[in-house]
Amino acid sequence: MENENVLKKCPFCGGNAKVIMDSRFDNKSYNFPKWFIKCQQCGIQTETAKIEYVVKRWNSRIKTDFEMKMEDDGK
């Protein structure tokens, strides 16, 4: 599994992101705490879910045409 402590830069502004526990879900009536990731610069954030899910979603990127060409060229 991807290291959940490593977050990619924000895909919109390039800012640093932070994992935040949603305080609405921090009591014991839930099976697990719920988290979201928020860019500290532009404020964009993920949905609230298990930490593994939000990290995976945040770090998922669609490759650009340039990135795909570089892979095809073996660079």
PDB file of N, CA and C in Angstrom:
ATOM      1  N   MET A   1       0.838  -1.183   0.000  1.00  0.00           N
ATOM      2  CA  MET A   1       0.000   0.000   0.000  1.00  0.00           C
ATOM      3  C   MET A   1       0.884   1.246   0.000  1.00  0.00           C
ATOM      4  N   GLU A   2       0.405   2.267  -0.644  1.00  0.00           N
ATOM      5  CA  GLU A   2       1.115   3.537  -0.718  1.00  0.00           C
ATOM      6  C   GLU A   2       1.311   4.100   0.687  1.00  0.00           C
ATOM      7  N   ASN A   3       2.464   4.709   0.906  1.00  0.00           N
ATOM      8  CA  ASN A   3       2.748   5.287   2.216  1.00  0.00           C
ATOM      9  C   ASN A   3       1.767   6.413   2.497  1.00  0.00           C
ATOM     10  N   GLU A   4       0.937   6.241   3.511  1.00  0.00           N
ATOM     11  CA  GLU A   4      -0.112   7.217   3.781  1.00  0.00           C
ATOM     12  C   GLU A   4       0.424   8.514   4.375  1.00  0.00           C
ATOM     13  N   ASN A   5       1.717   8.548   4.708  1.00  0.00           N
ATOM     14  CA  ASN A   5       2.298   9.784   5.224  1.00  0.00           C
ATOM     15  C   ASN A   5       2.815  10.686   4.112  1.00  0.00           C
ATOM     16  N   VAL A   6       2.838  10.179   2.876  1.00  0.00           N
ATOM     17  CA  VAL A   6       3.356  10.949   1.756  1.00  0.00           C
ATOM     18  C   VAL A   6       2.190  11.416   0.894  1.00  0.00           C
ATOM     19  N   LEU A   7       1.972  12.719   0.868  1.00  0.00           N
ATOM     20  CA  LEU A   7       0.916  13.293   0.050  1.00  0.00           C
ATOM     21  C   LEU A   7       1.542  14.070  -1.097  1.00  0.00           C
ATOM     22  N   LYS A   8       0.975  13.912  -2.279  1.00  0.00           N
ATOM     23  CA  LYS A   8       1.428  14.697  -3.416  1.00  0.00           C
ATOM     24  C   LYS A   8       0.985  16.138  -3.233  1.00  0.00           C
ATOM     25  N   LYS A   9       1.629  17.015  -3.976  1.00  0.00           N
ATOM     26  CA  LYS A   9       1.239  18.421  -3.979  1.00  0.00           C
ATOM     27  C   LYS A   9      -0.173  18.552  -4.541  1.00  0.00           C
ATOM     28  N   CYS A  10      -0.831  19.648  -4.248  1.00  0.00           N
ATOM     29  CA  CYS A  10      -2.177  19.901  -4.743  1.00  0.00           C
ATOM     30  C   CYS A  10      -2.177  19.894  -6.275  1.00  0.00           C
ATOM     31  N   PRO A  11      -3.116  19.169  -6.883  1.00  0.00           N
ATOM     32  CA  PRO A  11      -3.155  19.119  -8.347  1.00  0.00           C
ATOM     33  C   PRO A  11      -3.642  20.423  -8.981  1.00  0.00           C
ATOM     34  N   PHE A  12      -4.179  21.319  -8.189  1.00  0.00           N
ATOM     35  CA  PHE A  12      -4.712  22.573  -8.716  1.00  0.00           C
ATOM     36  C   PHE A  12      -3.732  23.732  -8.583  1.00  0.00           C
ATOM     37  N   CYS A  13      -3.081  23.838  -7.410  1.00  0.00           N
ATOM     38  CA  CYS A  13      -2.210  25.004  -7.192  1.00  0.00           C
ATOM     39  C   CYS A  13      -0.766  24.624  -6.852  1.00  0.00           C
ATOM     40  N   GLY A  14      -0.512  23.340  -6.579  1.00  0.00           N
ATOM     41  CA  GLY A  14       0.841  22.910  -6.212  1.00  0.00           C
ATOM     42  C   GLY A  14       1.163  23.103  -4.743  1.00  0.00           C
ATOM     43  N   GLY A  15       0.170  23.489  -3.948  1.00  0.00           N
ATOM     44  CA  GLY A  15       0.383  23.711  -2.522  1.00  0.00           C
ATOM     45  C   GLY A  15       0.530  22.417  -1.736  1.00  0.00           C
ATOM     46  N   ASN A  16       0.925  22.549  -0.476  1.00  0.00           N
ATOM     47  CA  ASN A  16       1.061  21.401   0.418  1.00  0.00           C
ATOM     48  C   ASN A  16      -0.302  21.004   0.967  1.00  0.00           C
ATOM     49  N   ALA A  17      -0.479  19.694   1.118  1.00  0.00           N
ATOM     50  CA  ALA A  17      -1.745  19.157   1.622  1.00  0.00           C
ATOM     51  C   ALA A  17      -1.555  18.630   3.041  1.00  0.00           C
ATOM     52  N   LYS A  18      -2.663  18.539   3.756  1.00  0.00           N
ATOM     53  CA  LYS A  18      -2.634  18.073   5.137  1.00  0.00           C
ATOM     54  C   LYS A  18      -3.799  17.115   5.372  1.00  0.00           C
ATOM     55  N   VAL A  19      -3.537  16.028   6.102  1.00  0.00           N
ATOM     56  CA  VAL A  19      -4.588  15.086   6.498  1.00  0.00           C
ATOM     57  C   VAL A  19      -5.235  15.626   7.766  1.00  0.00           C
ATOM     58  N   ILE A  20      -6.565  15.702   7.761  1.00  0.00           N
ATOM     59  CA  ILE A  20      -7.292  16.268   8.897  1.00  0.00           C
ATOM     60  C   ILE A  20      -8.407  15.317   9.320  1.00  0.00           C
ATOM     61  N   MET A  21      -8.530  15.062  10.634  1.00  0.00           N
ATOM     62  CA  MET A  21      -9.631  14.249  11.112  1.00  0.00           C
ATOM     63  C   MET A  21     -10.883  15.114  11.172  1.00  0.00           C
ATOM     64  N   ASP A  22     -11.973  14.589  10.638  1.00  0.00           N
ATOM     65  CA  ASP A  22     -13.243  15.309  10.657  1.00  0.00           C
ATOM     66  C   ASP A  22     -13.813  15.208  12.062  1.00  0.00           C
ATOM     67  N   SER A  23     -13.883  16.322  12.765  1.00  0.00           N
ATOM     68  CA  SER A  23     -14.298  16.322  14.169  1.00  0.00           C
ATOM     69  C   SER A  23     -15.746  15.869  14.365  1.00  0.00           C
ATOM     70  N   ARG A  24     -16.534  15.875  13.300  1.00  0.00           N
ATOM     71  CA  ARG A  24     -17.909  15.387  13.424  1.00  0.00           C
ATOM     72  C   ARG A  24     -17.951  13.874  13.632  1.00  0.00           C
ATOM     73  N   PHE A  25     -16.844  13.188  13.334  1.00  0.00           N
ATOM     74  CA  PHE A  25     -16.820  11.725  13.397  1.00  0.00           C
ATOM     75  C   PHE A  25     -15.803  11.205  14.404  1.00  0.00           C
ATOM     76  N   ASP A  26     -15.403  12.004  15.374  1.00  0.00           N
ATOM     77  CA  ASP A  26     -14.345  11.560  16.279  1.00  0.00           C
ATOM     78  C   ASP A  26     -14.848  10.883  17.550  1.00  0.00           C
ATOM     79  N   ASN A  27     -16.153  10.681  17.697  1.00  0.00           N
ATOM     80  CA  ASN A  27     -16.627  10.012  18.912  1.00  0.00           C
ATOM     81  C   ASN A  27     -16.722   8.502  18.702  1.00  0.00           C
ATOM     82  N   LYS A  28     -16.985   7.781  19.755  1.00  0.00           N
ATOM     83  CA  LYS A  28     -16.947   6.316  19.706  1.00  0.00           C
ATOM     84  C   LYS A  28     -18.195   5.682  19.101  1.00  0.00           C
ATOM     85  N   SER A  29     -19.141   6.471  18.663  1.00  0.00           N
ATOM     86  CA  SER A  29     -20.336   5.891  18.052  1.00  0.00           C
ATOM     87  C   SER A  29     -20.077   5.442  16.610  1.00  0.00           C
ATOM     88  N   TYR A  30     -18.896   5.746  16.090  1.00  0.00           N
ATOM     89  CA  TYR A  30     -18.517   5.316  14.745  1.00  0.00           C
ATOM     90  C   TYR A  30     -17.453   4.234  14.862  1.00  0.00           C
ATOM     91  N   ASN A  31     -17.372   3.359  13.864  1.00  0.00           N
ATOM     92  CA  ASN A  31     -16.406   2.260  13.896  1.00  0.00           C
ATOM     93  C   ASN A  31     -14.971   2.733  13.696  1.00  0.00           C
ATOM     94  N   PHE A  32     -14.795   3.877  13.071  1.00  0.00           N
ATOM     95  CA  PHE A  32     -13.462   4.375  12.782  1.00  0.00           C
ATOM     96  C   PHE A  32     -13.530   5.890  12.621  1.00  0.00           C
ATOM     97  N   PRO A  33     -12.425   6.584  12.893  1.00  0.00           N
ATOM     98  CA  PRO A  33     -12.428   8.028  12.630  1.00  0.00           C
ATOM     99  C   PRO A  33     -12.458   8.273  11.125  1.00  0.00           C
ATOM    100  N   LYS A  34     -12.998   9.398  10.730  1.00  0.00           N
ATOM    101  CA  LYS A  34     -13.046   9.744   9.314  1.00  0.00           C
ATOM    102  C   LYS A  34     -12.158  10.957   9.072  1.00  0.00           C
ATOM    103  N   TRP A  35     -11.580  10.990   7.901  1.00  0.00           N
ATOM    104  CA  TRP A  35     -10.554  11.959   7.574  1.00  0.00           C
ATOM    105  C   TRP A  35     -10.856  12.635   6.238  1.00  0.00           C
ATOM    106  N   PHE A  36     -10.199  13.764   6.014  1.00  0.00           N
ATOM    107  CA  PHE A  36     -10.189  14.380   4.689  1.00  0.00           C
ATOM    108  C   PHE A  36      -8.826  15.020   4.500  1.00  0.00           C
ATOM    109  N   ILE A  37      -8.501  15.318   3.258  1.00  0.00           N
ATOM    110  CA  ILE A  37      -7.239  15.973   2.938  1.00  0.00           C
ATOM    111  C   ILE A  37      -7.568  17.331   2.355  1.00  0.00           C
ATOM    112  N   LYS A  38      -6.836  18.334   2.822  1.00  0.00           N
ATOM    113  CA  LYS A  38      -7.103  19.699   2.394  1.00  0.00           C
ATOM    114  C   LYS A  38      -5.803  20.386   2.000  1.00  0.00           C
ATOM    115  N   CYS A  39      -5.847  21.099   0.875  1.00  0.00           N
ATOM    116  CA  CYS A  39      -4.707  21.896   0.454  1.00  0.00           C
ATOM    117  C   CYS A  39      -4.617  23.115   1.364  1.00  0.00           C
ATOM    118  N   GLN A  40      -3.435  23.365   1.879  1.00  0.00           N
ATOM    119  CA  GLN A  40      -3.236  24.481   2.795  1.00  0.00           C
ATOM    120  C   GLN A  40      -3.154  25.822   2.080  1.00  0.00           C
ATOM    121  N   GLN A  41      -3.026  25.776   0.749  1.00  0.00           N
ATOM    122  CA  GLN A  41      -2.925  27.028  -0.002  1.00  0.00           C
ATOM    123  C   GLN A  41      -4.263  27.456  -0.614  1.00  0.00           C
ATOM    124  N   CYS A  42      -4.884  26.568  -1.408  1.00  0.00           N
ATOM    125  CA  CYS A  42      -6.117  26.970  -2.108  1.00  0.00           C
ATOM    126  C   CYS A  42      -7.390  26.484  -1.422  1.00  0.00           C
ATOM    127  N   GLY A  43      -7.260  25.524  -0.482  1.00  0.00           N
ATOM    128  CA  GLY A  43      -8.409  25.076   0.295  1.00  0.00           C
ATOM    129  C   GLY A  43      -9.216  23.934  -0.300  1.00  0.00           C
ATOM    130  N   ILE A  44      -8.843  23.452  -1.482  1.00  0.00           N
ATOM    131  CA  ILE A  44      -9.576  22.320  -2.067  1.00  0.00           C
ATOM    132  C   ILE A  44      -9.403  21.114  -1.144  1.00  0.00           C
ATOM    133  N   GLN A  45     -10.450  20.280  -1.039  1.00  0.00           N
ATOM    134  CA  GLN A  45     -10.340  19.128  -0.155  1.00  0.00           C
ATOM    135  C   GLN A  45     -11.081  17.923  -0.719  1.00  0.00           C
ATOM    136  N   THR A  46     -10.745  16.756  -0.168  1.00  0.00           N
ATOM    137  CA  THR A  46     -11.383  15.504  -0.560  1.00  0.00           C
ATOM    138  C   THR A  46     -12.678  15.322   0.210  1.00  0.00           C
ATOM    139  N   GLU A  47     -13.393  14.263  -0.130  1.00  0.00           N
ATOM    140  CA  GLU A  47     -14.534  13.849   0.668  1.00  0.00           C
ATOM    141  C   GLU A  47     -14.025  13.287   1.994  1.00  0.00           C
ATOM    142  N   THR A  48     -14.907  13.047   2.937  1.00  0.00           N
ATOM    143  CA  THR A  48     -14.557  12.492   4.242  1.00  0.00           C
ATOM    144  C   THR A  48     -14.766  10.986   4.212  1.00  0.00           C
ATOM    145  N   ALA A  49     -13.725  10.223   4.605  1.00  0.00           N
ATOM    146  CA  ALA A  49     -13.787   8.758   4.572  1.00  0.00           C
ATOM    147  C   ALA A  49     -12.629   8.198   5.399  1.00  0.00           C
ATOM    148  N   LYS A  50     -12.421   6.880   5.318  1.00  0.00           N
ATOM    149  CA  LYS A  50     -11.273   6.257   5.972  1.00  0.00           C
ATOM    150  C   LYS A  50      -9.997   6.859   5.407  1.00  0.00           C
ATOM    151  N   ILE A  51      -8.977   6.928   6.243  1.00  0.00           N
ATOM    152  CA  ILE A  51      -7.738   7.592   5.848  1.00  0.00           C
ATOM    153  C   ILE A  51      -7.107   6.951   4.609  1.00  0.00           C
ATOM    154  N   GLU A  52      -7.150   5.620   4.525  1.00  0.00           N
ATOM    155  CA  GLU A  52      -6.542   4.941   3.386  1.00  0.00           C
ATOM    156  C   GLU A  52      -7.206   5.365   2.076  1.00  0.00           C
ATOM    157  N   TYR A  53      -8.505   5.550   2.123  1.00  0.00           N
ATOM    158  CA  TYR A  53      -9.258   5.927   0.929  1.00  0.00           C
ATOM    159  C   TYR A  53      -8.938   7.357   0.498  1.00  0.00           C
ATOM    160  N   VAL A  54      -8.934   8.297   1.442  1.00  0.00           N
ATOM    161  CA  VAL A  54      -8.704   9.687   1.051  1.00  0.00           C
ATOM    162  C   VAL A  54      -7.275   9.921   0.567  1.00  0.00           C
ATOM    163  N   VAL A  55      -6.306   9.214   1.159  1.00  0.00           N
ATOM    164  CA  VAL A  55      -4.921   9.339   0.698  1.00  0.00           C
ATOM    165  C   VAL A  55      -4.805   8.798  -0.724  1.00  0.00           C
ATOM    166  N   LYS A  56      -5.401   7.639  -0.965  1.00  0.00           N
ATOM    167  CA  LYS A  56      -5.352   7.057  -2.306  1.00  0.00           C
ATOM    168  C   LYS A  56      -6.010   7.990  -3.323  1.00  0.00           C
ATOM    169  N   ARG A  57      -7.154   8.552  -2.980  1.00  0.00           N
ATOM    170  CA  ARG A  57      -7.854   9.476  -3.888  1.00  0.00           C
ATOM    171  C   ARG A  57      -7.024  10.733  -4.136  1.00  0.00           C
ATOM    172  N   TRP A  58      -6.453  11.318  -3.073  1.00  0.00           N
ATOM    173  CA  TRP A  58      -5.673  12.537  -3.222  1.00  0.00           C
ATOM    174  C   TRP A  58      -4.446  12.300  -4.115  1.00  0.00           C
ATOM    175  N   ASN A  59      -3.788  11.180  -3.903  1.00  0.00           N
ATOM    176  CA  ASN A  59      -2.555  10.901  -4.642  1.00  0.00           C
ATOM    177  C   ASN A  59      -2.788  10.364  -6.049  1.00  0.00           C
ATOM    178  N   SER A  60      -4.031  10.067  -6.409  1.00  0.00           N
ATOM    179  CA  SER A  60      -4.336   9.596  -7.757  1.00  0.00           C
ATOM    180  C   SER A  60      -4.282  10.771  -8.718  1.00  0.00           C
ATOM    181  N   ARG A  61      -3.618  10.565  -9.831  1.00  0.00           N
ATOM    182  CA  ARG A  61      -3.521  11.606 -10.845  1.00  0.00           C
ATOM    183  C   ARG A  61      -3.739  10.986 -12.219  1.00  0.00           C
ATOM    184  N   ILE A  62      -4.368  11.730 -13.070  1.00  0.00           N
ATOM    185  CA  ILE A  62      -4.471  11.332 -14.468  1.00  0.00           C
ATOM    186  C   ILE A  62      -3.210  11.846 -15.139  1.00  0.00           C
ATOM    187  N   LYS A  63      -2.552  10.978 -15.882  1.00  0.00           N
ATOM    188  CA  LYS A  63      -1.320  11.380 -16.538  1.00  0.00           C
ATOM    189  C   LYS A  63      -1.618  12.326 -17.694  1.00  0.00           C
ATOM    190  N   THR A  64      -0.753  13.326 -17.816  1.00  0.00           N
ATOM    191  CA  THR A  64      -0.884  14.267 -18.924  1.00  0.00           C
ATOM    192  C   THR A  64      -0.340  13.631 -20.195  1.00  0.00           C
ATOM    193  N   ASP A  65      -0.660  14.216 -21.331  1.00  0.00           N
ATOM    194  CA  ASP A  65      -0.122  13.732 -22.608  1.00  0.00           C
ATOM    195  C   ASP A  65       1.397  13.742 -22.584  1.00  0.00           C
ATOM    196  N   PHE A  66       1.982  14.770 -21.983  1.00  0.00           N
ATOM    197  CA  PHE A  66       3.441  14.873 -21.892  1.00  0.00           C
ATOM    198  C   PHE A  66       4.025  13.720 -21.083  1.00  0.00           C
ATOM    199  N   GLU A  67       3.418  13.399 -19.946  1.00  0.00           N
ATOM    200  CA  GLU A  67       3.901  12.300 -19.106  1.00  0.00           C
ATOM    201  C   GLU A  67       3.802  10.965 -19.832  1.00  0.00           C
ATOM    202  N   MET A  68       2.706  10.753 -20.548  1.00  0.00           N
ATOM    203  CA  MET A  68       2.549   9.499 -21.298  1.00  0.00           C
ATOM    204  C   MET A  68       3.589   9.408 -22.418  1.00  0.00           C
ATOM    205  N   LYS A  69       3.886  10.522 -23.104  1.00  0.00           N
ATOM    206  CA  LYS A  69       4.879  10.521 -24.166  1.00  0.00           C
ATOM    207  C   LYS A  69       6.247  10.213 -23.589  1.00  0.00           C
ATOM    208  N   MET A  70       6.578  10.788 -22.437  1.00  0.00           N
ATOM    209  CA  MET A  70       7.873  10.523 -21.803  1.00  0.00           C
ATOM    210  C   MET A  70       8.016   9.046 -21.460  1.00  0.00           C
ATOM    211  N   GLU A  71       6.942   8.413 -20.979  1.00  0.00           N
ATOM    212  CA  GLU A  71       6.975   6.982 -20.666  1.00  0.00           C
ATOM    213  C   GLU A  71       7.167   6.175 -21.950  1.00  0.00           C
ATOM    214  N   ASP A  72       6.456   6.552 -23.006  1.00  0.00           N
ATOM    215  CA  ASP A  72       6.558   5.844 -24.291  1.00  0.00           C
ATOM    216  C   ASP A  72       7.958   5.956 -24.870  1.00  0.00           C
ATOM    217  N   ASP A  73       8.613   7.110 -24.650  1.00  0.00           N
ATOM    218  CA  ASP A  73       9.959   7.327 -25.159  1.00  0.00           C
ATOM    219  C   ASP A  73      11.020   6.698 -24.253  1.00  0.00           C
ATOM    220  N   GLY A  74      10.587   6.130 -23.111  1.00  0.00           N
ATOM    221  CA  GLY A  74      11.524   5.478 -22.204  1.00  0.00           C
ATOM    222  C   GLY A  74      12.343   6.436 -21.371  1.00  0.00           C
ATOM    223  N   LYS A  75      11.828   7.619 -21.134  1.00  0.00           N
ATOM    224  CA  LYS A  75      12.562   8.606 -20.348  1.00  0.00           C
ATOM    225  C   LYS A  75      12.029   8.701 -18.961  1.00  0.00           C
TER     226      LYS A  75
END
